[in-house]
């Protein structure tokens, strides 16, 4: 199955938002835990940027999950 890069990034952002909300974290709370800006979290969640691996690891650590769990979503 092929998926476009854009579709993947959109779905990744949605999944990160869902995981963040499940943990009861605001965008600011997640940003603080990751030591990045709230605007960067917001841009990731709405697929305005293609974030790097280092940031994804920070997000996974802040959410207390394995990094691979960030990619555990179905594509639409």
C-alpha atoms as a PDB file:
ATOM      1  CA  UNK A   1       0.000   0.000   0.000  1.00  0.00           C
ATOM      2  CA  UNK A   2       1.316   3.422  -0.914  1.00  0.00           C
ATOM      3  CA  UNK A   3       0.642   6.494   1.167  1.00  0.00           C
ATOM      4  CA  UNK A   4       1.586  10.013   0.254  1.00  0.00           C
ATOM      5  CA  UNK A   5       3.991  11.878   2.494  1.00  0.00           C
ATOM      6  CA  UNK A   6       1.364  14.560   3.060  1.00  0.00           C
ATOM      7  CA  UNK A   7      -1.265  12.033   4.166  1.00  0.00           C
ATOM      8  CA  UNK A   8       1.219  10.393   6.525  1.00  0.00           C
ATOM      9  CA  UNK A   9       2.171  13.720   8.125  1.00  0.00           C
ATOM     10  CA  UNK A  10      -1.498  14.678   8.527  1.00  0.00           C
ATOM     11  CA  UNK A  11      -2.311  11.368  10.197  1.00  0.00           C
ATOM     12  CA  UNK A  12       0.778  11.567  12.407  1.00  0.00           C
ATOM     13  CA  UNK A  13      -0.280  15.004  13.642  1.00  0.00           C
ATOM     14  CA  UNK A  14      -3.805  13.813  14.372  1.00  0.00           C
ATOM     15  CA  UNK A  15      -2.455  10.815  16.264  1.00  0.00           C
ATOM     16  CA  UNK A  16      -0.065  12.933  18.326  1.00  0.00           C
ATOM     17  CA  UNK A  17      -2.957  15.241  19.247  1.00  0.00           C
ATOM     18  CA  UNK A  18      -5.083  12.244  20.274  1.00  0.00           C
ATOM     19  CA  UNK A  19      -2.271  10.812  22.398  1.00  0.00           C
ATOM     20  CA  UNK A  20      -1.654  14.200  24.012  1.00  0.00           C
ATOM     21  CA  UNK A  21      -5.340  14.663  24.815  1.00  0.00           C
ATOM     22  CA  UNK A  22      -5.573  11.113  26.189  1.00  0.00           C
ATOM     23  CA  UNK A  23      -2.780  12.010  28.632  1.00  0.00           C
ATOM     24  CA  UNK A  24      -4.673  15.163  29.598  1.00  0.00           C
ATOM     25  CA  UNK A  25      -1.919  17.450  28.363  1.00  0.00           C
ATOM     26  CA  UNK A  26      -2.382  20.822  26.732  1.00  0.00           C
ATOM     27  CA  UNK A  27      -0.202  21.793  23.809  1.00  0.00           C
ATOM     28  CA  UNK A  28       1.722  24.042  26.200  1.00  0.00           C
ATOM     29  CA  UNK A  29       2.167  21.210  28.683  1.00  0.00           C
ATOM     30  CA  UNK A  30       3.530  18.881  26.019  1.00  0.00           C
ATOM     31  CA  UNK A  31       5.758  21.626  24.658  1.00  0.00           C
ATOM     32  CA  UNK A  32       7.148  22.296  28.132  1.00  0.00           C
ATOM     33  CA  UNK A  33       7.825  18.589  28.674  1.00  0.00           C
ATOM     34  CA  UNK A  34       9.620  18.433  25.306  1.00  0.00           C
ATOM     35  CA  UNK A  35      11.479  21.713  25.765  1.00  0.00           C
ATOM     36  CA  UNK A  36      10.128  23.025  22.466  1.00  0.00           C
ATOM     37  CA  UNK A  37       7.679  25.799  21.633  1.00  0.00           C
ATOM     38  CA  UNK A  38       3.913  25.443  21.825  1.00  0.00           C
ATOM     39  CA  UNK A  39       3.707  26.731  18.263  1.00  0.00           C
ATOM     40  CA  UNK A  40       5.894  23.831  17.106  1.00  0.00           C
ATOM     41  CA  UNK A  41       3.529  21.329  18.753  1.00  0.00           C
ATOM     42  CA  UNK A  42       0.586  23.099  17.120  1.00  0.00           C
ATOM     43  CA  UNK A  43       2.238  23.027  13.688  1.00  0.00           C
ATOM     44  CA  UNK A  44       3.024  19.302  14.063  1.00  0.00           C
ATOM     45  CA  UNK A  45      -0.555  18.507  15.035  1.00  0.00           C
ATOM     46  CA  UNK A  46      -2.010  20.324  12.030  1.00  0.00           C
ATOM     47  CA  UNK A  47       0.632  19.038   9.605  1.00  0.00           C
ATOM     48  CA  UNK A  48       2.154  22.436   8.865  1.00  0.00           C
ATOM     49  CA  UNK A  49       5.675  21.052   9.389  1.00  0.00           C
ATOM     50  CA  UNK A  50       7.436  17.772   8.851  1.00  0.00           C
ATOM     51  CA  UNK A  51       9.189  17.332  12.176  1.00  0.00           C
ATOM     52  CA  UNK A  52      12.438  15.502  12.760  1.00  0.00           C
ATOM     53  CA  UNK A  53      13.212  12.288  14.573  1.00  0.00           C
ATOM     54  CA  UNK A  54      14.746  14.069  17.570  1.00  0.00           C
ATOM     55  CA  UNK A  55      11.523  15.966  18.173  1.00  0.00           C
ATOM     56  CA  UNK A  56       9.442  12.811  17.755  1.00  0.00           C
ATOM     57  CA  UNK A  57      11.574  11.071  20.384  1.00  0.00           C
ATOM     58  CA  UNK A  58      11.053  14.031  22.747  1.00  0.00           C
ATOM     59  CA  UNK A  59       7.295  13.825  22.161  1.00  0.00           C
ATOM     60  CA  UNK A  60       7.230  10.065  22.760  1.00  0.00           C
ATOM     61  CA  UNK A  61       9.222  10.472  25.977  1.00  0.00           C
ATOM     62  CA  UNK A  62       6.910  13.242  27.188  1.00  0.00           C
ATOM     63  CA  UNK A  63       3.895  11.026  26.449  1.00  0.00           C
ATOM     64  CA  UNK A  64       5.611   8.108  28.205  1.00  0.00           C
ATOM     65  CA  UNK A  65       5.341   5.841  25.168  1.00  0.00           C
ATOM     66  CA  UNK A  66       7.761   4.056  22.871  1.00  0.00           C
ATOM     67  CA  UNK A  67       8.591   6.178  19.807  1.00  0.00           C
ATOM     68  CA  UNK A  68       7.159   3.480  17.527  1.00  0.00           C
ATOM     69  CA  UNK A  69       3.732   4.067  19.110  1.00  0.00           C
ATOM     70  CA  UNK A  70       3.626   7.480  17.433  1.00  0.00           C
ATOM     71  CA  UNK A  71       3.325   5.618  14.127  1.00  0.00           C
ATOM     72  CA  UNK A  72       0.637   3.203  15.286  1.00  0.00           C
ATOM     73  CA  UNK A  73      -2.303   4.729  13.434  1.00  0.00           C
ATOM     74  CA  UNK A  74      -4.442   3.864  10.456  1.00  0.00           C
ATOM     75  CA  UNK A  75      -4.167   6.053   7.404  1.00  0.00           C
ATOM     76  CA  UNK A  76      -7.166   7.719   5.837  1.00  0.00           C
END
